[in-house]
Amino acid sequence: MSFELIKELFQITAFCVYNAGTLSNPSIRSRWKTGLAFKYRSTPRRDSCYNRKIEMTLVNFQGRLKRPLFFVMPSRKVSNHVLHEIRVDFRDGNFFQHHPPRFVLVNVDDPRIKSACPISLMSRSTASEYSFEKIASWVDRCSTSHVSCGQLSQRTTEDKIWSPTRLLRIDSECAQSTTVLRLLECRENPVQRPYQYATLSYCWGTQSFTKLQRNNLSDFKQGIDLSLLPKTFTDATIAARKLGICYLWIDALCIIQDSPEDWAQEAVMMAKVYSYSTLTLAAAASKSSDGGLFYERDPLLCNGIKLSVNWHNDLLTASDRTVQGEYYCIRWDPWITSVCRSPLKQRAWVFQESLLSPRTVYFASDQLYWECGELYASEVYPTGGPWDLEFRERRFGTAKRIPVGLQPSDDGRFKHIYFAAFLEAIDGNCMQITQRLPYLWANIVSQYSSGELTFEDDKLIAISGVAKRLATILKDDKYIAGFWESNLALSLLWTSPHSYHKRISRYQAPSWSWASVSGRVEMDLMFRSHEPPNITIEILNVNVGLTNMRESTGSLTSGVLRVKGGLCKTYHSVIWKKDIRGPFSPFFYDRGQLGKTTNYSWLPYQKDACLLFKTRGLATWFPSKFKFDEEPKKYREIYCLEVATGRVTKSWGDTGFVAGLMLAPTAVKGQYSRIGYFELVPDGMRRSWRASVGMSLRRIAGSRKALESELFKSEDIDPKYYEVRDGDQYTISIV
């Protein structure tokens, strides 16, 4: 390895570690002053997005660096241009323990960085004039040049002069007075044209602060002393004033916080408040109302560094063997770390606020980020950047039939898809909307449910504004318990990508609705199936009880789903193996290898769970999977309802699947509640004599494939567990 390469790696390392929050510990950097040695290896990758993967392990041979550092430098080609990614990770044993930001080497001639506009070295804060000039240019460009944004920001006839119930008026002489905000009752001050106002999106935090209440309502109308307000509110006032916006809407100051009646009334209008705002100011980096909008920064860390690269590796293919020339080393897709994973985006309410707002500027800790229906930008890339949507990577397993943009994504850039649905409605393309709706709504639910709610009762309310807006273009569809009726069957197959959920303590929705649990849910099966899944159940009717009869998108008091389909009785089998032998047990080590004392954890038990299909002699086995919605109880019997079939892609090839719901019977005849989700791969099931109880000799001697084909053709279900039976089809109710 050449001296030039080592020098470049040290430069990149210093840049990566200094700029990556989780790795910028001074004690770790100081250890690098000791001797370091590099070793690397080249391995092929099956993933089509990457050509080759080179791992360079940074090893401190003096023994002062306890955890080795790994450089990972895969190359991938996008639109005939190659990106060389650089990652720096800590790794324990065989597993990565940290996920710092990725960096990429981009050739200086790459068209994706032609729009790069380095931040002025004089702009040491996001409150600088330089930053506000960028915001003003974004607002002007969106207002005058973005056709779709202009169409969607137009008000309906009934809302021509609509304004929020209350607004905060910013005093024009704020420099000479400490009282610069006054609460305005818009109904008491009618105007011929609607008020032009900005909205604030922020985290409340846990500390108490000044809010609008019954006892200070009249005082707020006289004036609000900024010194009494948290920093985020004062910064928002300054920002709005600098942008020439005279009115501001902040929920804590415009909704009477100790009046449930006022809150209920204003919550209904939340969609309009954000939809008709001129601009939303988002305090992305602040964890509380005291965090503020503005942050000090070092422009050099945002702009990246320029490197002269001379890389040659004989282990690679001829086309990839040489990386040579002038490159920029930039942080790859800072939107993910600065916006998508920001403290602000952890709030569920914020998803609706940002999606409904025609324009949003995110005040992050490093720079400003812009979002509207046609542009995602930053101060470094004011007209778009190398992370634009046409370069988005397709998640493994996503079917090729899914259009780019509609595929599941964790980067938070979703507004353009939402806006596109409304543009298609304006153009009268109803068929296109109908085809895209399942994927559009699945993405909405996935991203919204990943946020946290202070009050569980808001589960459906905090997304109702988005549902109402979509209802205006889905004239022939109906919103039911967090789903759209036209795609209800497939949407029932939601599940959690992570740990168990927790049922919301106070009833908000029936068990078959994703709104009945807390935590993130996904409906990824519709994205993974090669063709639209074949629905095997018939939905007979759905009845829901509304908490507020005037709000069809709000919380519920009841919900009954009546269906007809294949039903099978199974048994949840769990084997617990107690392990008290400590390091002498093969189950002692959670990761790594036996004998490596640097990384281990004691497992007091080993769990081997499966679903036993009684009278079929079969049990689930990899790659079949099933997941309980919450921590599993000792269910004696579980009833599996077949919902859909199709084919998906696994790492070893394509395979068929049968997906459905795991149900537990209630005390009512033919009635069940949902307890989980299953996805069976019939070819991957195995014989199990634990499940052979009641099998006839013919079935015991029969082929496994014959048994698999009969999984949902049960004949042994007790009449008390169904309402009506029609051959191998059972009519049941789910609550």
Foldseek 3Di string as FASTA:
>chain_A
DDPQVVVVVVVVVVLQQCLWVVRVDVVQVVLVVADWDKDKDKDADPPLQFGIKIKIWIDRVVCPNPWIKIWIWTWGAAPNFIKTKTDIFTADFHGTDDGTFIKIWGAPPPPQQPLFDFDDQVCQKCVDPLNLVLVLVVLVCCCPPPPLLVVQLDDDPVCFAPDAQKKWFAAPPVVVDQFGTAIDGDVVPDDPGHAAEEEEFEAADDDDADFAAPVCNVVRRVTDGCVRGAQQVVLVSVSCVVSVHGIYDYPRHHFHPPDPVRVVVVLVCPLVNQLNYSEYEYQQADLHSNRHQMAGERSDSQSFDKGADWAADPVHDPVPGTDGGIIGIHRPLCLQVFHLVTSSLQALLVLSNVLSHQKYWYRGHHWIWIDHLPDTATSRNSGHGPVDQSRDDADPLFAPVDDRLLGADSSSRNNNVLSVLVVCLVVVVLVVNVVSVVSSLLNSQQSSLQHDDPDLQCLQSSCLSSVVVVCVSPVPWADAQSDIPVCVLLVLQKDAPDDAWAADPDAFGAQSHPSRTHHGIGSCPCRNFNDRWAWFKAWPDKDWAPPDPVRNRHTTDDIKTKMKGFKFKKAKDKDKDADDPALVDPQQAPDHDRPPPSHGHGDRIDIDIWIFRALLQKIADPPKDKDWNHDDDRAGMKMWGWTTKGWGADPVGIAIKTKTFIWDDDPAFQETETTIIIIGGQVRMDGHPVRNPPHDPCSVPDDSVVSSVCRRQDDPDDRSNADDDDRSMTIGMYD
